[in-house]
Amino acid sequence: MIFDTQITLRLFSYPIVNGQTAEKLERETTVWAEYYQAAQAGKRTDAIFRMHSAEYGGEQQLVCGSDVFDIVRSYGQETEETELTCKRRDGA
């Protein structure tokens, strides 16, 4: 694998403080990944990214260049590499 594409993973959380939902927290982590256009891979989504499993922490969104993607499926966290199947966010 050649991890030659820099992506930013986004994790969103909504902590509960004193029984009420607090302001949304967002964490961003930049990592290297391998990028595939999903249409070429025969998928119904827009992109697939492969990355080191140790760098994936359950994030729900990623940014690659100017494109923002929702992570719709993750696979392989128990192995060395995780595959993220993504759908491009319209208007992002």
C-alpha atoms as a PDB file:
ATOM      1  CA  MET A   1       0.000   0.000   0.000  1.00  0.00           C
ATOM      2  CA  ILE A   2       1.110   3.505  -0.783  1.00  0.00           C
ATOM      3  CA  PHE A   3      -0.339   6.028   1.643  1.00  0.00           C
ATOM      4  CA  ASP A   4       0.118   9.117  -0.522  1.00  0.00           C
ATOM      5  CA  THR A   5      -3.027  11.163   0.162  1.00  0.00           C
ATOM      6  CA  GLN A   6      -3.302  13.391   3.202  1.00  0.00           C
ATOM      7  CA  ILE A   7      -6.768  13.383   4.799  1.00  0.00           C
ATOM      8  CA  THR A   8      -8.255  14.987   7.893  1.00  0.00           C
ATOM      9  CA  LEU A   9     -10.522  12.821  10.034  1.00  0.00           C
ATOM     10  CA  ARG A  10     -13.293  14.560  11.980  1.00  0.00           C
ATOM     11  CA  LEU A  11     -14.891  13.206  15.139  1.00  0.00           C
ATOM     12  CA  PHE A  12     -18.039  14.880  16.453  1.00  0.00           C
ATOM     13  CA  SER A  13     -19.363  14.381  19.957  1.00  0.00           C
ATOM     14  CA  TYR A  14     -22.148  15.892  21.996  1.00  0.00           C
ATOM     15  CA  PRO A  15     -21.214  15.524  25.663  1.00  0.00           C
ATOM     16  CA  ILE A  16     -23.883  15.531  28.344  1.00  0.00           C
ATOM     17  CA  VAL A  17     -23.155  17.905  31.232  1.00  0.00           C
ATOM     18  CA  ASN A  18     -25.499  18.039  34.230  1.00  0.00           C
ATOM     19  CA  GLY A  19     -28.104  16.041  32.302  1.00  0.00           C
ATOM     20  CA  GLN A  20     -28.118  18.359  29.277  1.00  0.00           C
ATOM     21  CA  THR A  21     -26.393  18.116  25.925  1.00  0.00           C
ATOM     22  CA  ALA A  22     -23.457  20.517  25.816  1.00  0.00           C
ATOM     23  CA  GLU A  23     -22.064  22.259  22.748  1.00  0.00           C
ATOM     24  CA  LYS A  24     -20.811  20.015  19.950  1.00  0.00           C
ATOM     25  CA  LEU A  25     -17.143  19.127  20.256  1.00  0.00           C
ATOM     26  CA  GLU A  26     -15.079  18.470  17.157  1.00  0.00           C
ATOM     27  CA  ARG A  27     -11.664  16.815  16.939  1.00  0.00           C
ATOM     28  CA  GLU A  28      -9.586  16.753  13.766  1.00  0.00           C
ATOM     29  CA  THR A  29      -6.647  14.457  13.056  1.00  0.00           C
ATOM     30  CA  THR A  30      -4.563  14.561   9.869  1.00  0.00           C
ATOM     31  CA  VAL A  31      -3.229  11.226   8.569  1.00  0.00           C
ATOM     32  CA  TRP A  32      -1.937   9.626   5.363  1.00  0.00           C
ATOM     33  CA  ALA A  33      -4.187   7.274   3.389  1.00  0.00           C
ATOM     34  CA  GLU A  34      -4.578   5.587   0.033  1.00  0.00           C
ATOM     35  CA  TYR A  35      -7.475   6.900  -2.077  1.00  0.00           C
ATOM     36  CA  TYR A  36      -9.705   5.089  -4.572  1.00  0.00           C
ATOM     37  CA  GLN A  37     -12.637   6.449  -6.526  1.00  0.00           C
ATOM     38  CA  ALA A  38     -15.403   4.096  -5.485  1.00  0.00           C
ATOM     39  CA  ALA A  39     -17.080   4.054  -8.893  1.00  0.00           C
ATOM     40  CA  GLN A  40     -13.941   2.444 -10.268  1.00  0.00           C
ATOM     41  CA  ALA A  41     -14.063  -0.118  -7.477  1.00  0.00           C
ATOM     42  CA  GLY A  42     -17.676  -1.034  -8.279  1.00  0.00           C
ATOM     43  CA  LYS A  43     -19.190   0.606  -5.197  1.00  0.00           C
ATOM     44  CA  ARG A  44     -22.298   2.789  -4.808  1.00  0.00           C
ATOM     45  CA  THR A  45     -20.399   5.385  -2.790  1.00  0.00           C
ATOM     46  CA  ASP A  46     -17.967   8.086  -3.848  1.00  0.00           C
ATOM     47  CA  ALA A  47     -14.606   7.143  -2.369  1.00  0.00           C
ATOM     48  CA  ILE A  48     -12.682   4.517  -0.461  1.00  0.00           C
ATOM     49  CA  PHE A  49      -9.691   5.377   1.709  1.00  0.00           C
ATOM     50  CA  ARG A  50      -7.258   2.874   3.238  1.00  0.00           C
ATOM     51  CA  MET A  51      -5.229   3.892   6.244  1.00  0.00           C
ATOM     52  CA  HIS A  52      -3.326   2.464   9.212  1.00  0.00           C
ATOM     53  CA  SER A  53      -5.854   1.085  11.702  1.00  0.00           C
ATOM     54  CA  ALA A  54      -3.985   2.606  14.644  1.00  0.00           C
ATOM     55  CA  GLU A  55      -4.822   6.079  13.288  1.00  0.00           C
ATOM     56  CA  TYR A  56      -8.585   5.540  13.004  1.00  0.00           C
ATOM     57  CA  GLY A  57     -10.647   6.306  16.084  1.00  0.00           C
ATOM     58  CA  GLY A  58     -14.239   6.039  14.900  1.00  0.00           C
ATOM     59  CA  GLU A  59     -14.432   9.421  13.185  1.00  0.00           C
ATOM     60  CA  GLN A  60     -17.633  10.129  11.239  1.00  0.00           C
ATOM     61  CA  GLN A  61     -16.278  12.471   8.563  1.00  0.00           C
ATOM     62  CA  LEU A  62     -13.118  13.144   6.585  1.00  0.00           C
ATOM     63  CA  VAL A  63     -11.713  15.914   4.407  1.00  0.00           C
ATOM     64  CA  CYS A  64      -9.546  15.279   1.351  1.00  0.00           C
ATOM     65  CA  GLY A  65      -8.462  18.431  -0.463  1.00  0.00           C
ATOM     66  CA  SER A  66     -11.592  20.555  -0.804  1.00  0.00           C
ATOM     67  CA  ASP A  67     -13.980  17.569  -0.594  1.00  0.00           C
ATOM     68  CA  VAL A  68     -15.827  16.609   2.587  1.00  0.00           C
ATOM     69  CA  PHE A  69     -16.990  12.994   2.964  1.00  0.00           C
ATOM     70  CA  ASP A  70     -19.235  11.200   5.444  1.00  0.00           C
ATOM     71  CA  ILE A  71     -17.792   7.850   6.493  1.00  0.00           C
ATOM     72  CA  VAL A  72     -20.581   5.359   5.842  1.00  0.00           C
ATOM     73  CA  ARG A  73     -18.647   2.172   6.604  1.00  0.00           C
ATOM     74  CA  SER A  74     -15.370   1.193   8.191  1.00  0.00           C
ATOM     75  CA  TYR A  75     -13.810  -2.232   7.806  1.00  0.00           C
ATOM     76  CA  GLY A  76     -10.727  -3.923   9.178  1.00  0.00           C
ATOM     77  CA  GLN A  77     -10.029  -2.038  12.415  1.00  0.00           C
ATOM     78  CA  GLU A  78      -8.812  -5.306  13.946  1.00  0.00           C
ATOM     79  CA  THR A  79      -6.128  -5.629  11.220  1.00  0.00           C
ATOM     80  CA  GLU A  80      -3.201  -3.393  10.213  1.00  0.00           C
ATOM     81  CA  GLU A  81      -5.267  -1.412   7.692  1.00  0.00           C
ATOM     82  CA  THR A  82      -8.756   0.065   7.892  1.00  0.00           C
ATOM     83  CA  GLU A  83     -10.850   0.737   4.808  1.00  0.00           C
ATOM     84  CA  LEU A  84     -13.233   3.705   4.981  1.00  0.00           C
ATOM     85  CA  THR A  85     -16.120   3.751   2.499  1.00  0.00           C
ATOM     86  CA  CYS A  86     -17.290   7.338   2.043  1.00  0.00           C
ATOM     87  CA  LYS A  87     -20.051   9.433   0.496  1.00  0.00           C
ATOM     88  CA  ARG A  88     -19.309  12.985  -0.665  1.00  0.00           C
ATOM     89  CA  ARG A  89     -21.249  15.688   1.227  1.00  0.00           C
ATOM     90  CA  ASP A  90     -23.169  17.926  -1.174  1.00  0.00           C
ATOM     91  CA  GLY A  91     -22.659  21.644  -0.634  1.00  0.00           C
ATOM     92  CA  ALA A  92     -19.770  21.150   1.798  1.00  0.00           C
END
